[in-house]
Amino acid sequence: MPNHKSAEKRARQNEKRRLRNRQVVSTVRTLVKHVRTAIQSGETEAAKAALPAAVRALSRAADKGVIHRNTASRKIGRLVKAVNG
């Protein structure tokens, strides 16, 4: 438990950020999963339609610092390659 006023505030801020980051990561995972399941089931058009939303979500997560920019770039590259392949 925090013992100082500033430490209490820091704990509140960290909790807020943790919850926000969790939501962003969860959304990214869901959108990526939509693309992957469309590829698996052979629905090329559905995969191509779902791809821009997933790419946008990954880019925004990287911009916000929720995930590393190289991780986002790698995931985007692999998704695009899978959809085009």
C-alpha atoms as a PDB file:
ATOM      1  CA  MET A   1       0.000   0.000   0.000  1.00  0.00           C
ATOM      2  CA  PRO A   2       1.222   3.509  -0.776  1.00  0.00           C
ATOM      3  CA  ASN A   3       2.350   5.562   2.217  1.00  0.00           C
ATOM      4  CA  HIS A   4       2.540   9.014   0.623  1.00  0.00           C
ATOM      5  CA  LYS A   5      -0.014  11.178  -1.089  1.00  0.00           C
ATOM      6  CA  SER A   6       2.009  11.174  -4.312  1.00  0.00           C
ATOM      7  CA  ALA A   7       2.338   7.382  -4.178  1.00  0.00           C
ATOM      8  CA  GLU A   8      -1.444   7.064  -3.763  1.00  0.00           C
ATOM      9  CA  LYS A   9      -1.977   9.236  -6.839  1.00  0.00           C
ATOM     10  CA  ARG A  10       0.591   7.241  -8.787  1.00  0.00           C
ATOM     11  CA  ALA A  11      -1.220   4.008  -7.855  1.00  0.00           C
ATOM     12  CA  ARG A  12      -4.538   5.466  -9.077  1.00  0.00           C
ATOM     13  CA  GLN A  13      -2.954   6.574 -12.351  1.00  0.00           C
ATOM     14  CA  ASN A  14      -1.300   3.192 -12.889  1.00  0.00           C
ATOM     15  CA  GLU A  15      -4.591   1.370 -12.331  1.00  0.00           C
ATOM     16  CA  LYS A  16      -6.410   3.631 -14.817  1.00  0.00           C
ATOM     17  CA  ARG A  17      -3.693   3.104 -17.426  1.00  0.00           C
ATOM     18  CA  ARG A  18      -3.602  -0.647 -16.832  1.00  0.00           C
ATOM     19  CA  LEU A  19      -7.343  -0.954 -17.444  1.00  0.00           C
ATOM     20  CA  ARG A  20      -7.188   1.245 -20.555  1.00  0.00           C
ATOM     21  CA  ASN A  21      -4.230  -0.737 -21.938  1.00  0.00           C
ATOM     22  CA  ARG A  22      -6.047  -4.012 -21.276  1.00  0.00           C
ATOM     23  CA  GLN A  23      -9.051  -2.799 -23.246  1.00  0.00           C
ATOM     24  CA  VAL A  24      -6.885  -1.713 -26.189  1.00  0.00           C
ATOM     25  CA  VAL A  25      -4.976  -5.013 -26.271  1.00  0.00           C
ATOM     26  CA  SER A  26      -8.220  -6.987 -26.044  1.00  0.00           C
ATOM     27  CA  THR A  27      -9.726  -5.074 -28.969  1.00  0.00           C
ATOM     28  CA  VAL A  28      -6.588  -5.600 -31.056  1.00  0.00           C
ATOM     29  CA  ARG A  29      -6.610  -9.333 -30.334  1.00  0.00           C
ATOM     30  CA  THR A  30     -10.277  -9.613 -31.310  1.00  0.00           C
ATOM     31  CA  LEU A  31      -9.798  -7.773 -34.615  1.00  0.00           C
ATOM     32  CA  VAL A  32      -6.721  -9.838 -35.494  1.00  0.00           C
ATOM     33  CA  LYS A  33      -8.670 -12.994 -34.630  1.00  0.00           C
ATOM     34  CA  HIS A  34     -11.459 -11.970 -37.034  1.00  0.00           C
ATOM     35  CA  VAL A  35      -8.920 -11.767 -39.863  1.00  0.00           C
ATOM     36  CA  ARG A  36      -7.258 -15.060 -38.917  1.00  0.00           C
ATOM     37  CA  THR A  37     -10.543 -16.989 -38.679  1.00  0.00           C
ATOM     38  CA  ALA A  38     -11.654 -15.605 -42.049  1.00  0.00           C
ATOM     39  CA  ILE A  39      -8.374 -16.821 -43.577  1.00  0.00           C
ATOM     40  CA  GLN A  40      -8.727 -20.242 -41.927  1.00  0.00           C
ATOM     41  CA  SER A  41     -12.269 -20.725 -43.216  1.00  0.00           C
ATOM     42  CA  GLY A  42     -11.231 -19.679 -46.732  1.00  0.00           C
ATOM     43  CA  GLU A  43     -13.313 -16.494 -46.825  1.00  0.00           C
ATOM     44  CA  THR A  44     -10.866 -14.285 -48.693  1.00  0.00           C
ATOM     45  CA  GLU A  45     -13.255 -11.354 -49.117  1.00  0.00           C
ATOM     46  CA  ALA A  46     -14.163 -11.332 -45.417  1.00  0.00           C
ATOM     47  CA  ALA A  47     -10.453 -11.411 -44.512  1.00  0.00           C
ATOM     48  CA  LYS A  48      -9.716  -8.503 -46.851  1.00  0.00           C
ATOM     49  CA  ALA A  49     -12.630  -6.567 -45.364  1.00  0.00           C
ATOM     50  CA  ALA A  50     -11.500  -7.194 -41.764  1.00  0.00           C
ATOM     51  CA  LEU A  51      -7.829  -6.414 -42.439  1.00  0.00           C
ATOM     52  CA  PRO A  52      -7.983  -2.563 -42.444  1.00  0.00           C
ATOM     53  CA  ALA A  53      -9.683  -2.473 -39.029  1.00  0.00           C
ATOM     54  CA  ALA A  54      -7.032  -4.770 -37.553  1.00  0.00           C
ATOM     55  CA  VAL A  55      -4.186  -2.743 -39.070  1.00  0.00           C
ATOM     56  CA  ARG A  56      -5.708   0.497 -37.763  1.00  0.00           C
ATOM     57  CA  ALA A  57      -6.096  -0.962 -34.271  1.00  0.00           C
ATOM     58  CA  LEU A  58      -2.505  -2.239 -34.221  1.00  0.00           C
ATOM     59  CA  SER A  59      -1.154   1.120 -35.396  1.00  0.00           C
ATOM     60  CA  ARG A  60      -3.144   3.046 -32.807  1.00  0.00           C
ATOM     61  CA  ALA A  61      -2.028   0.680 -30.025  1.00  0.00           C
ATOM     62  CA  ALA A  62       1.583   1.283 -31.064  1.00  0.00           C
ATOM     63  CA  ASP A  63       1.037   5.061 -31.211  1.00  0.00           C
ATOM     64  CA  LYS A  64      -0.400   5.019 -27.694  1.00  0.00           C
ATOM     65  CA  GLY A  65       2.545   2.966 -26.456  1.00  0.00           C
ATOM     66  CA  VAL A  66       0.387   0.012 -25.443  1.00  0.00           C
ATOM     67  CA  ILE A  67       2.450  -2.310 -27.644  1.00  0.00           C
ATOM     68  CA  HIS A  68       5.904  -1.746 -29.117  1.00  0.00           C
ATOM     69  CA  ARG A  69       5.961  -0.259 -32.610  1.00  0.00           C
ATOM     70  CA  ASN A  70       8.110  -3.111 -33.950  1.00  0.00           C
ATOM     71  CA  THR A  71       5.620  -5.643 -32.572  1.00  0.00           C
ATOM     72  CA  ALA A  72       2.768  -3.825 -34.296  1.00  0.00           C
ATOM     73  CA  SER A  73       4.735  -3.624 -37.532  1.00  0.00           C
ATOM     74  CA  ARG A  74       5.585  -7.334 -37.407  1.00  0.00           C
ATOM     75  CA  LYS A  75       1.976  -8.331 -36.732  1.00  0.00           C
ATOM     76  CA  ILE A  76       0.682  -6.088 -39.540  1.00  0.00           C
ATOM     77  CA  GLY A  77       3.222  -7.515 -41.976  1.00  0.00           C
ATOM     78  CA  ARG A  78       2.328 -11.096 -41.137  1.00  0.00           C
ATOM     79  CA  LEU A  79      -1.402 -10.405 -41.356  1.00  0.00           C
ATOM     80  CA  VAL A  80      -1.099  -8.725 -44.760  1.00  0.00           C
ATOM     81  CA  LYS A  81       1.081 -11.560 -46.011  1.00  0.00           C
ATOM     82  CA  ALA A  82      -1.438 -14.144 -44.790  1.00  0.00           C
ATOM     83  CA  VAL A  83      -4.366 -12.343 -46.430  1.00  0.00           C
ATOM     84  CA  ASN A  84      -2.529 -11.919 -49.751  1.00  0.00           C
ATOM     85  CA  GLY A  85      -1.114 -15.439 -49.671  1.00  0.00           C
END
